[in-house]
Every structure is written in structure tokens, then in C-alpha cells.
Amino acid sequence: MDYSLQLLTTRAQCDAVLAYANAKLSLLTYHDAQTGRRTGNLTTSATNDTAELLSLNSYITAMTPVVPTLLPGKDRDKQASDLRLKTDRRDTLLARQNQQGPEALIEAEAEGGLVDVQVPLIEDLITQVTAHRATLSA
């Protein structure tokens, strides 16, 4: 990228820009590490939750019409309880998808992509300002 480096006429001005750029680079590096960890965690969560939701939905779909037809007794009570537990678990997974589901994973991946684009720009700025600074006398 072309910067207006000719407007920087002193080393102090270059130092100020370099301080900004280095602080920005440090922040981006930290953000990249955090985003990387978050993306890894979300990948695991989203994958596991999606698989579990598929399993739970299959069970719930299959068992919902069966439980009322069972003879009253311990087996029917156990099956009804299992169905309630699995329905509650499904509802919990659906409720947390915004924080840990595929949508959150894609948002984290996009954040990581933005950092990947910004880091080379800031590194290039540092290189250009450093080179320009070397041409200045004071």
C-alpha cells in the first residue's frame, strides 16, 4: 500500500507512526491467538453439538409416538423419562447454538481472516516507515 511517507519529515514523526504500528501489530497478534483458540474450541463444540443434535432428533422422532403405546409400568416410565431428558438436552443444545454453534464458528473464522489480512498490511507499514526513517537526518 502507498502511504504518504513524504509528509513524515522527522525521525520523531516516524517513531510515532512506528509506535502506533507496533502497538497495532501486538494487538492483532494477541487477537489472532485468541481467535485461533476460540475457533479451535468452537470447531469441536459445533461438530460435536451438530452430531449430538442429529442423534437426539432421531431418537425423539422415533420414540415420541412409541411411548404412549407402551403398557403402564416401569418400562414405560423409564422410556418417558429418557424421552424427556433427551428433549431437554436437545433444547439446551439448540439454545446455545448462537454461542457455540456453526454460526459462532463462522464468525470466529471470519475474525481470523480479517486478522490474517491486517497483519501483513501493518508489517508492510512498519517496513516502509523504517526505510523512510533511515533517509531522514533528524
Protein backbone atom coordinates (compact mmCIF):
# COMPACT_ATOMS: atom_id res chain seq x y z
CA MET A 1 0.00 0.00 0.00
CA ASP A 2 1.21 3.51 -0.71
CA TYR A 3 1.47 5.73 2.34
CA SER A 4 2.09 9.47 2.46
CA LEU A 5 5.55 8.94 3.87
CA GLN A 6 6.87 12.12 2.29
CA LEU A 7 4.83 14.01 4.89
CA LEU A 8 6.94 12.49 7.65
CA THR A 9 9.85 14.89 7.84
CA THR A 10 11.43 13.96 11.17
CA ARG A 11 12.53 10.78 12.85
CA ALA A 12 10.23 11.65 15.75
CA GLN A 13 7.22 11.58 13.40
CA CYS A 14 8.39 8.23 12.07
CA ASP A 15 8.83 6.97 15.63
CA ALA A 16 5.25 8.00 16.45
CA VAL A 17 3.92 6.10 13.44
CA LEU A 18 6.12 3.11 14.30
CA ALA A 19 4.82 3.14 17.88
CA TYR A 20 1.25 3.07 16.56
CA ALA A 21 2.07 0.31 14.06
CA ASN A 22 3.89 -1.84 16.62
CA ALA A 23 1.04 -1.45 19.13
CA LYS A 24 -1.45 -2.38 16.42
CA LEU A 25 0.63 -5.38 15.39
CA SER A 26 0.88 -6.51 19.01
CA LEU A 27 -2.88 -6.21 19.41
CA LEU A 28 -3.52 -8.11 16.18
CA THR A 29 -1.10 -10.86 17.21
CA TYR A 30 -2.86 -11.22 20.55
CA HIS A 31 -6.27 -11.16 18.86
CA ASP A 32 -5.09 -13.78 16.36
CA ALA A 33 -4.02 -16.11 19.17
CA GLN A 34 -7.32 -15.64 20.98
CA THR A 35 -9.32 -16.13 17.79
CA GLY A 36 -7.32 -19.25 16.96
CA ARG A 37 -8.07 -20.79 20.33
CA ARG A 38 -11.73 -19.79 20.10
CA THR A 39 -12.02 -21.19 16.58
CA GLY A 40 -10.50 -24.49 17.71
CA ASN A 41 -12.88 -24.75 20.64
CA LEU A 42 -15.87 -23.77 18.50
CA THR A 43 -14.93 -26.28 15.82
CA THR A 44 -15.03 -29.06 18.38
CA SER A 45 -18.23 -27.79 20.00
CA ALA A 46 -20.07 -27.14 16.75
CA THR A 47 -19.10 -30.52 15.30
CA ASN A 48 -19.99 -32.43 18.46
CA ASP A 49 -23.22 -30.49 19.05
CA THR A 50 -24.36 -30.99 15.46
CA ALA A 51 -23.75 -34.74 15.67
CA GLU A 52 -25.48 -34.95 19.03
CA LEU A 53 -28.47 -32.94 17.75
CA LEU A 54 -28.88 -35.32 14.83
CA SER A 55 -28.83 -38.28 17.18
CA LEU A 56 -31.24 -36.67 19.64
CA ASN A 57 -33.66 -35.65 16.90
CA SER A 58 -33.69 -39.19 15.52
CA TYR A 59 -34.36 -40.65 18.97
CA ILE A 60 -37.08 -38.10 19.78
CA THR A 61 -38.78 -38.59 16.41
CA ALA A 62 -38.73 -42.37 16.81
CA MET A 63 -39.76 -42.56 20.47
CA THR A 64 -42.40 -39.84 20.71
CA PRO A 65 -45.14 -41.96 19.10
CA VAL A 66 -43.96 -45.17 20.80
CA VAL A 67 -44.02 -44.12 24.47
CA PRO A 68 -47.83 -43.60 24.68
CA THR A 69 -48.40 -47.08 23.26
CA LEU A 70 -46.34 -48.86 25.92
CA LEU A 71 -48.09 -50.67 28.73
CA PRO A 72 -48.13 -48.73 32.01
CA GLY A 73 -45.26 -49.69 34.29
CA LYS A 74 -41.59 -49.30 34.95
CA ASP A 75 -40.53 -49.67 31.31
CA ARG A 76 -42.96 -47.01 30.11
CA ASP A 77 -41.90 -44.66 32.93
CA LYS A 78 -38.23 -45.21 32.06
CA GLN A 79 -38.83 -44.58 28.35
CA ALA A 80 -40.89 -41.45 29.10
CA SER A 81 -38.15 -40.18 31.41
CA ASP A 82 -35.45 -40.85 28.78
CA LEU A 83 -37.53 -39.05 26.17
CA ARG A 84 -37.92 -36.02 28.48
CA LEU A 85 -34.18 -35.97 29.21
CA LYS A 86 -33.25 -36.18 25.55
CA THR A 87 -35.78 -33.49 24.66
CA ASP A 88 -34.35 -31.23 27.36
CA ARG A 89 -30.81 -31.89 26.11
CA ARG A 90 -31.86 -31.08 22.54
CA ASP A 91 -33.44 -27.82 23.71
CA THR A 92 -30.25 -26.93 25.61
CA LEU A 93 -28.11 -27.58 22.53
CA LEU A 94 -30.42 -25.53 20.33
CA ALA A 95 -30.36 -22.65 22.80
CA ARG A 96 -26.56 -22.48 22.91
CA GLN A 97 -26.01 -22.73 19.16
CA ASN A 98 -25.70 -18.93 18.90
CA GLN A 99 -22.73 -19.03 21.29
CA GLN A 100 -21.14 -22.33 20.25
CA GLY A 101 -22.80 -23.48 17.07
CA PRO A 102 -21.86 -23.22 13.41
CA GLU A 103 -22.82 -19.54 13.26
CA ALA A 104 -20.37 -18.64 16.04
CA LEU A 105 -17.68 -20.79 14.40
CA ILE A 106 -18.05 -18.99 11.07
CA GLU A 107 -17.93 -15.60 12.82
CA ALA A 108 -14.69 -16.63 14.57
CA GLU A 109 -13.24 -17.87 11.29
CA ALA A 110 -14.12 -14.53 9.66
CA GLU A 111 -12.42 -12.67 12.53
CA GLY A 112 -9.32 -14.78 11.99
CA GLY A 113 -9.43 -13.99 8.27
CA LEU A 114 -9.59 -10.27 9.00
CA VAL A 115 -6.53 -10.52 11.23
CA ASP A 116 -4.72 -12.51 8.53
CA VAL A 117 -5.31 -9.62 6.12
CA GLN A 118 -4.40 -6.86 8.57
CA VAL A 119 -1.10 -8.26 9.88
CA PRO A 120 0.75 -8.08 6.52
CA LEU A 121 -0.53 -4.52 5.99
CA ILE A 122 0.83 -3.38 9.34
CA GLU A 123 4.11 -5.23 8.79
CA ASP A 124 4.44 -3.51 5.41
CA LEU A 125 3.76 -0.14 7.07
CA ILE A 126 6.50 -0.81 9.61
CA THR A 127 8.93 -1.77 6.84
CA GLN A 128 8.15 1.33 4.78
CA VAL A 129 8.30 3.76 7.70
CA THR A 130 11.54 2.21 8.96
CA ALA A 131 13.09 2.58 5.49
CA HIS A 132 11.84 6.15 5.21
CA ARG A 133 13.13 6.96 8.70
CA ALA A 134 16.61 5.86 7.63
CA THR A 135 16.59 8.52 4.89
CA LEU A 136 15.94 11.36 7.37
CA SER A 137 18.71 13.28 9.03
CA ALA A 138 16.96 14.17 12.26
